[in-house]
Amino acid sequence: MKNDSTMAGSSTHPPPPPSGAVDDISVCIATYRRPTLLDALLHDLRRQRHLPRQIVVVDNDADASARAIVEQHRQTLHGVDVIYDIQQEKNISLTRNRCVAHAQAAWLAFVDDDERVGESWLADLLATAQAHGADGVLGPVISRVPNDAPAWIRQGRFFDRRRMATGQAVPKSDMRIGNALLAARWLPQDPFDPAYGQTGGEDGDLLLRLALRGARIVWCDEAQAVEDVPPSRLCTRWILARALRGGQNHARHVLGGKMGKVGLARKVVFFLRACLQTAAAAVLALLSLPFGRHAAMRWVARACANVGKLSVFLGWHYREYA
């Protein structure tokens, strides 16, 4: 990926077309101490109907815990350029940026190291991009909650994400890069903001900036990725912490002008609305208690998300990846 332009001064006009093949794909994987899950993902990539030109794995573990797995797969991925590198500083943005720096194809596919993909994953993403003239394609990440999870977790559907019809433009509120294909020509050097490196939200930040520049980002519902929810996330603490972080990231995007122009009036309205929504969600959580823990927890999570929005005005950020 060799586009050295910066985001801040970029034109809203589309960049020139890539010089390489239009069906060329580099798969970018940022990983951190998940060798078993990474092994399964690399097996999936080996079985793709549309094999990528490159697979780039950047390890955010200074101890290189993923090296052996990647080297093992390098021997079996014939015709695919497999690259392994290490990002010493713990920062998801810097790790993703290192992936992008190694990528050489016209398209960059992003997938998380704890996900599994079907054999048509890349083919579906690329076909959707070509059919709809898109500069980016996002696909669903389906979270599988174990059968032995607490009943209130399964009833609350806390891990469900919104899905759309294939070809539909992705709303600004649903910009995520855990399962995505982006045209390399739209990406500047170091596209992910290191300020989000320990908090998360770097993916939404990038995609919102691309959308502001005029990139067309659509949905492909067929290109599914699946993740198994680990036991450590099947608890109140994780659900509320993730809601808090989501609210913070949303506020950072709004107040940073990523979702439209923002002035003093909009900031005041945003602050007051978050205050009202926090209070309303707290009341509704209490009123929902007779309907079950899952019903109350949904409203508690909304309250936490709005507390997260308000905390940004105080300059505090929850660092999930510190």
Protein backbone atom coordinates (compact mmCIF):
# COMPACT_ATOMS: atom_id res chain seq x y z
CA MET A 1 0.00 0.00 0.00
CA LYS A 2 1.86 3.03 -1.24
CA ASN A 3 -0.53 5.98 -1.13
CA ASP A 4 1.32 8.59 0.96
CA SER A 5 -1.45 11.21 1.08
CA THR A 6 -2.89 12.29 4.43
CA MET A 7 -6.52 12.27 5.46
CA ALA A 8 -6.79 15.83 6.65
CA GLY A 9 -6.18 17.55 3.34
CA SER A 10 -7.62 14.90 1.03
CA SER A 11 -10.04 15.76 -1.73
CA THR A 12 -13.56 14.37 -1.69
CA HIS A 13 -13.03 13.17 -5.26
CA PRO A 14 -12.25 9.46 -5.70
CA PRO A 15 -8.56 8.56 -6.01
CA PRO A 16 -7.24 7.17 -9.30
CA PRO A 17 -7.79 3.46 -9.97
CA PRO A 18 -5.14 0.98 -8.77
CA SER A 19 -2.33 -0.06 -11.06
CA GLY A 20 -2.58 -3.77 -10.12
CA ALA A 21 -5.19 -6.40 -10.97
CA VAL A 22 -8.70 -5.41 -9.93
CA ASP A 23 -9.29 -8.77 -8.20
CA ASP A 24 -6.02 -8.63 -6.26
CA ILE A 25 -6.51 -8.99 -2.47
CA SER A 26 -4.21 -8.69 0.53
CA VAL A 27 -5.71 -10.12 3.74
CA CYS A 28 -4.67 -8.12 6.81
CA ILE A 29 -4.74 -9.74 10.25
CA ALA A 30 -3.72 -8.02 13.47
CA THR A 31 -3.19 -10.60 16.20
CA TYR A 32 -2.42 -10.70 19.91
CA ARG A 33 -1.81 -13.93 21.83
CA ARG A 34 -4.43 -16.05 20.07
CA PRO A 35 -2.32 -18.66 18.27
CA THR A 36 -4.99 -21.38 18.31
CA LEU A 37 -7.68 -19.10 16.91
CA LEU A 38 -5.25 -17.66 14.35
CA ASP A 39 -4.39 -21.19 13.25
CA ALA A 40 -8.06 -21.92 12.55
CA LEU A 41 -8.47 -18.67 10.60
CA LEU A 42 -5.42 -19.38 8.43
CA HIS A 43 -6.88 -22.81 7.65
CA ASP A 44 -10.03 -21.04 6.44
CA LEU A 45 -8.00 -18.69 4.25
CA ARG A 46 -6.21 -21.64 2.66
CA ARG A 47 -9.58 -22.98 1.51
CA GLN A 48 -10.82 -19.78 -0.12
CA ARG A 49 -12.38 -20.10 -3.58
CA HIS A 50 -10.71 -16.77 -4.38
CA LEU A 51 -7.21 -17.09 -2.97
CA PRO A 52 -5.64 -13.80 -1.86
CA ARG A 53 -2.40 -12.52 -3.30
CA GLN A 54 -1.07 -11.87 0.21
CA ILE A 55 -1.78 -12.73 3.81
CA VAL A 56 -0.23 -10.20 6.17
CA VAL A 57 -0.12 -11.09 9.87
CA VAL A 58 1.20 -8.49 12.29
CA ASP A 59 1.73 -9.70 15.83
CA ASN A 60 1.22 -7.17 18.63
CA ASP A 61 2.94 -9.55 21.04
CA ALA A 62 6.60 -8.64 21.48
CA ASP A 63 7.24 -12.31 22.34
CA ALA A 64 6.18 -13.32 18.81
CA SER A 65 3.64 -15.87 19.99
CA ALA A 66 2.09 -16.14 16.50
CA ARG A 67 5.32 -16.72 14.58
CA ALA A 68 5.33 -20.53 14.68
CA ILE A 69 1.72 -20.76 13.47
CA VAL A 70 2.31 -18.39 10.57
CA GLU A 71 5.51 -20.16 9.52
CA GLN A 72 3.68 -23.47 9.58
CA HIS A 73 0.99 -22.17 7.22
CA ARG A 74 3.53 -20.52 4.96
CA GLN A 75 4.58 -24.00 3.86
CA THR A 76 1.06 -24.93 2.71
CA LEU A 77 -0.23 -21.66 1.24
CA HIS A 78 1.26 -22.19 -2.20
CA GLY A 79 1.08 -19.16 -4.47
CA VAL A 80 0.18 -16.84 -1.60
CA ASP A 81 2.73 -14.38 -0.24
CA VAL A 82 2.61 -14.83 3.55
CA ILE A 83 4.13 -11.99 5.57
CA TYR A 84 4.73 -12.00 9.32
CA ASP A 85 5.84 -8.95 11.27
CA ILE A 86 5.85 -7.76 14.87
CA GLN A 87 4.54 -4.48 16.28
CA GLN A 88 6.42 -4.06 19.54
CA GLU A 89 4.31 -1.30 21.13
CA LYS A 90 0.90 -2.49 22.31
CA ASN A 91 -1.42 -0.48 20.08
CA ILE A 92 -4.08 -1.89 17.76
CA SER A 93 -3.90 1.12 15.42
CA LEU A 94 -0.14 0.81 14.94
CA THR A 95 -0.57 -2.92 14.41
CA ARG A 96 -3.20 -2.41 11.72
CA ASN A 97 -1.07 0.32 10.12
CA ARG A 98 1.82 -2.11 9.90
CA CYS A 99 -0.47 -4.56 8.08
CA VAL A 100 -1.46 -1.87 5.59
CA ALA A 101 2.18 -0.89 5.04
CA HIS A 102 2.99 -4.46 3.92
CA ALA A 103 -0.11 -4.87 1.73
CA GLN A 104 0.50 -4.58 -2.02
CA ALA A 105 -2.82 -5.57 -3.59
CA ALA A 106 -5.59 -3.40 -5.04
CA TRP A 107 -7.97 -4.53 -2.28
CA LEU A 108 -7.32 -5.02 1.43
CA ALA A 109 -9.48 -7.48 3.37
CA PHE A 110 -9.59 -7.16 7.15
CA VAL A 111 -10.59 -9.97 9.48
CA ASP A 112 -10.08 -10.36 13.23
CA ASP A 113 -7.88 -13.14 14.56
CA ASP A 114 -10.72 -14.74 16.55
CA GLU A 115 -13.05 -15.13 13.57
CA ARG A 116 -13.80 -17.95 11.13
CA VAL A 117 -14.82 -17.44 7.51
CA GLY A 118 -16.40 -19.67 4.87
CA GLU A 119 -14.70 -20.64 1.62
CA SER A 120 -16.59 -18.00 -0.39
CA TRP A 121 -15.79 -15.13 2.01
CA LEU A 122 -13.34 -13.23 -0.20
CA ALA A 123 -15.24 -14.05 -3.39
CA ASP A 124 -18.47 -12.66 -1.91
CA LEU A 125 -16.83 -9.45 -0.69
CA LEU A 126 -15.16 -8.82 -4.04
CA ALA A 127 -18.26 -9.67 -6.09
CA THR A 128 -20.31 -7.21 -4.03
CA ALA A 129 -17.71 -4.47 -4.48
CA GLN A 130 -17.69 -4.97 -8.23
CA ALA A 131 -21.46 -5.33 -8.60
CA HIS A 132 -22.22 -2.14 -6.67
CA GLY A 133 -19.23 -0.01 -7.66
CA ALA A 134 -18.21 0.17 -4.02
CA ASP A 135 -14.97 1.40 -2.50
CA GLY A 136 -15.53 -0.68 0.61
CA VAL A 137 -17.64 -3.66 1.63
CA LEU A 138 -18.53 -4.69 5.18
CA GLY A 139 -19.89 -8.09 6.19
CA PRO A 140 -21.60 -9.47 9.29
CA VAL A 141 -19.73 -10.82 12.29
CA ILE A 142 -21.94 -13.43 13.92
CA SER A 143 -21.22 -14.04 17.59
CA ARG A 144 -21.95 -17.60 18.77
CA VAL A 145 -22.92 -17.65 22.43
CA PRO A 146 -22.27 -21.07 24.05
CA ASN A 147 -25.28 -23.13 25.00
CA ASP A 148 -24.18 -23.21 28.63
CA ALA A 149 -24.07 -19.39 28.90
CA PRO A 150 -26.29 -17.89 31.60
CA ALA A 151 -29.92 -17.71 30.51
CA TRP A 152 -30.07 -13.91 30.85
CA ILE A 153 -27.08 -13.57 28.49
CA ARG A 154 -28.78 -15.68 25.81
CA GLN A 155 -32.12 -13.95 26.27
CA GLY A 156 -30.59 -10.47 26.17
CA ARG A 157 -28.90 -11.01 22.78
CA PHE A 158 -26.13 -8.64 23.86
CA PHE A 159 -23.76 -9.88 21.17
CA ASP A 160 -26.11 -9.49 18.21
CA ARG A 161 -25.18 -6.94 15.57
CA ARG A 162 -27.31 -5.25 12.95
CA ARG A 163 -27.46 -6.85 9.51
CA MET A 164 -28.59 -5.38 6.19
CA ALA A 165 -29.45 -6.36 2.66
CA THR A 166 -26.51 -6.91 0.33
CA GLY A 167 -25.67 -3.74 -1.59
CA GLN A 168 -27.22 -1.40 0.97
CA ALA A 169 -25.12 1.59 1.99
CA VAL A 170 -23.78 1.09 5.51
CA PRO A 171 -25.05 3.72 8.00
CA LYS A 172 -22.44 5.73 9.86
CA SER A 173 -23.47 4.07 13.12
CA ASP A 174 -22.49 0.61 11.82
CA MET A 175 -18.96 1.23 10.57
CA ARG A 176 -16.73 -1.66 11.74
CA ILE A 177 -13.73 -3.33 10.15
CA GLY A 178 -13.75 -6.80 11.74
CA ASN A 179 -14.99 -8.18 8.42
CA ALA A 180 -14.27 -5.78 5.57
CA LEU A 181 -12.83 -5.19 2.11
CA LEU A 182 -11.40 -1.77 1.25
CA ALA A 183 -9.94 -0.40 -1.97
CA ALA A 184 -6.26 0.33 -1.34
CA ARG A 185 -6.41 3.53 -3.39
CA TRP A 186 -8.56 5.13 -0.66
CA LEU A 187 -6.11 4.43 2.14
CA PRO A 188 -3.46 7.00 3.07
CA GLN A 189 -0.22 6.13 4.78
CA ASP A 190 -0.87 5.02 8.38
CA PRO A 191 -4.67 5.21 8.04
CA PHE A 192 -5.56 4.13 11.59
CA ASP A 193 -5.29 6.83 14.24
CA PRO A 194 -2.92 5.78 17.07
CA ALA A 195 -5.02 7.82 19.51
CA TYR A 196 -7.51 4.92 19.41
CA GLY A 197 -4.77 2.32 19.83
CA GLN A 198 -5.65 1.28 23.38
CA THR A 199 -9.33 2.21 23.46
CA GLY A 200 -10.58 0.67 20.23
CA GLY A 201 -12.76 2.58 17.80
CA GLU A 202 -9.96 3.04 15.27
CA ASP A 203 -11.94 1.13 12.67
CA GLY A 204 -15.04 3.31 12.88
CA ASP A 205 -12.86 6.42 12.89
CA LEU A 206 -11.17 5.39 9.63
CA LEU A 207 -14.36 4.33 7.87
CA LEU A 208 -16.14 7.54 8.85
CA ARG A 209 -13.26 9.59 7.46
CA LEU A 210 -13.38 7.63 4.22
CA ALA A 211 -17.14 8.16 3.98
CA LEU A 212 -16.67 11.91 4.51
CA ARG A 213 -14.25 11.91 1.59
CA GLY A 214 -16.88 10.28 -0.61
CA ALA A 215 -16.06 6.58 -0.40
CA ARG A 216 -19.03 4.31 -1.11
CA ILE A 217 -19.24 1.60 1.57
CA VAL A 218 -21.88 -1.10 1.18
CA TRP A 219 -22.97 -4.28 2.94
CA CYS A 220 -22.53 -7.91 1.88
CA ASP A 221 -24.67 -10.19 4.01
CA GLU A 222 -23.32 -13.36 2.38
CA ALA A 223 -19.70 -12.70 3.44
CA GLN A 224 -20.17 -13.89 7.00
CA ALA A 225 -17.53 -14.16 9.69
CA VAL A 226 -18.22 -16.10 12.88
CA GLU A 227 -16.72 -15.66 16.33
CA ASP A 228 -17.23 -17.79 19.43
CA VAL A 229 -17.88 -15.64 22.49
CA PRO A 230 -15.31 -16.60 25.17
CA PRO A 231 -16.41 -17.22 28.78
CA SER A 232 -14.64 -14.03 29.93
CA ARG A 233 -17.24 -11.96 28.07
CA LEU A 234 -20.30 -13.73 29.47
CA CYS A 235 -20.69 -11.40 32.43
CA THR A 236 -22.16 -8.08 33.49
CA ARG A 237 -18.79 -6.38 33.80
CA TRP A 238 -17.74 -7.03 30.20
CA ILE A 239 -21.11 -6.10 28.71
CA LEU A 240 -21.25 -2.79 30.58
CA ALA A 241 -17.59 -1.96 29.91
CA ARG A 242 -18.11 -2.58 26.18
CA ALA A 243 -21.22 -0.36 26.23
CA LEU A 244 -19.26 2.39 27.99
CA ARG A 245 -16.48 2.14 25.41
CA GLY A 246 -18.98 2.21 22.57
CA GLY A 247 -20.52 5.39 23.93
CA GLN A 248 -17.10 7.00 24.29
CA ASN A 249 -16.10 6.14 20.75
CA HIS A 250 -19.39 7.44 19.37
CA ALA A 251 -18.88 10.72 21.22
CA ARG A 252 -15.31 11.02 19.97
CA HIS A 253 -16.49 10.51 16.41
CA VAL A 254 -19.33 13.03 16.71
CA LEU A 255 -17.38 15.69 18.58
CA GLY A 256 -14.41 15.19 16.25
CA GLY A 257 -16.54 16.08 13.24
CA LYS A 258 -16.50 12.57 11.74
CA MET A 259 -20.30 12.48 11.50
CA GLY A 260 -20.84 16.01 10.22
CA LYS A 261 -19.95 19.56 11.14
CA VAL A 262 -19.90 20.24 14.86
CA GLY A 263 -20.05 23.59 16.64
CA LEU A 264 -20.79 24.76 20.16
CA ALA A 265 -24.56 24.39 19.74
CA ARG A 266 -24.28 20.79 18.58
CA LYS A 267 -21.93 19.96 21.45
CA VAL A 268 -24.38 21.41 23.98
CA VAL A 269 -27.29 19.48 22.44
CA PHE A 270 -25.22 16.28 22.39
CA PHE A 271 -24.30 16.72 26.07
CA LEU A 272 -27.86 17.45 27.21
CA ARG A 273 -29.28 14.57 25.18
CA ALA A 274 -26.76 12.16 26.74
CA CYS A 275 -27.76 13.40 30.22
CA LEU A 276 -31.45 12.85 29.51
CA GLN A 277 -30.85 9.45 27.92
CA THR A 278 -28.76 8.33 30.90
CA ALA A 279 -31.53 9.24 33.33
CA ALA A 280 -34.24 7.70 31.15
CA ALA A 281 -32.32 4.45 30.71
CA ALA A 282 -31.74 4.19 34.47
CA VAL A 283 -35.46 4.58 35.16
CA LEU A 284 -36.40 2.08 32.45
CA ALA A 285 -33.88 -0.40 33.85
CA LEU A 286 -35.71 -0.33 37.19
CA LEU A 287 -39.11 -0.62 35.51
CA SER A 288 -37.84 -3.58 33.46
CA LEU A 289 -36.75 -5.66 36.45
CA PRO A 290 -40.06 -7.57 36.67
CA PHE A 291 -39.52 -8.74 33.07
CA GLY A 292 -36.21 -10.40 33.83
CA ARG A 293 -32.54 -9.61 34.34
CA HIS A 294 -31.90 -9.55 30.60
CA ALA A 295 -34.50 -6.81 30.05
CA ALA A 296 -33.10 -4.64 32.83
CA MET A 297 -29.52 -5.18 31.68
CA ARG A 298 -30.31 -3.89 28.20
CA TRP A 299 -31.31 -0.56 29.71
CA VAL A 300 -28.36 -0.53 32.13
CA ALA A 301 -26.07 -1.01 29.13
CA ARG A 302 -27.73 1.95 27.39
CA ALA A 303 -27.20 4.04 30.50
CA CYS A 304 -23.51 3.06 30.53
CA ALA A 305 -23.19 3.95 26.84
CA ASN A 306 -24.50 7.44 27.58
CA VAL A 307 -22.24 7.79 30.62
CA GLY A 308 -19.44 6.97 28.19
CA LYS A 309 -20.52 9.84 25.95
CA LEU A 310 -20.51 12.24 28.89
CA SER A 311 -17.10 11.06 30.12
CA VAL A 312 -15.52 12.24 26.88
CA PHE A 313 -16.29 15.83 27.90
CA LEU A 314 -14.07 15.18 30.96
CA GLY A 315 -11.25 13.82 28.80
CA TRP A 316 -11.39 10.28 30.23
CA HIS A 317 -11.08 7.25 27.95
CA TYR A 318 -11.60 3.61 28.90
CA ARG A 319 -8.49 1.77 27.65
CA GLU A 320 -9.72 -1.75 26.99
CA TYR A 321 -6.52 -2.75 25.19
CA ALA A 322 -3.96 -1.16 27.54
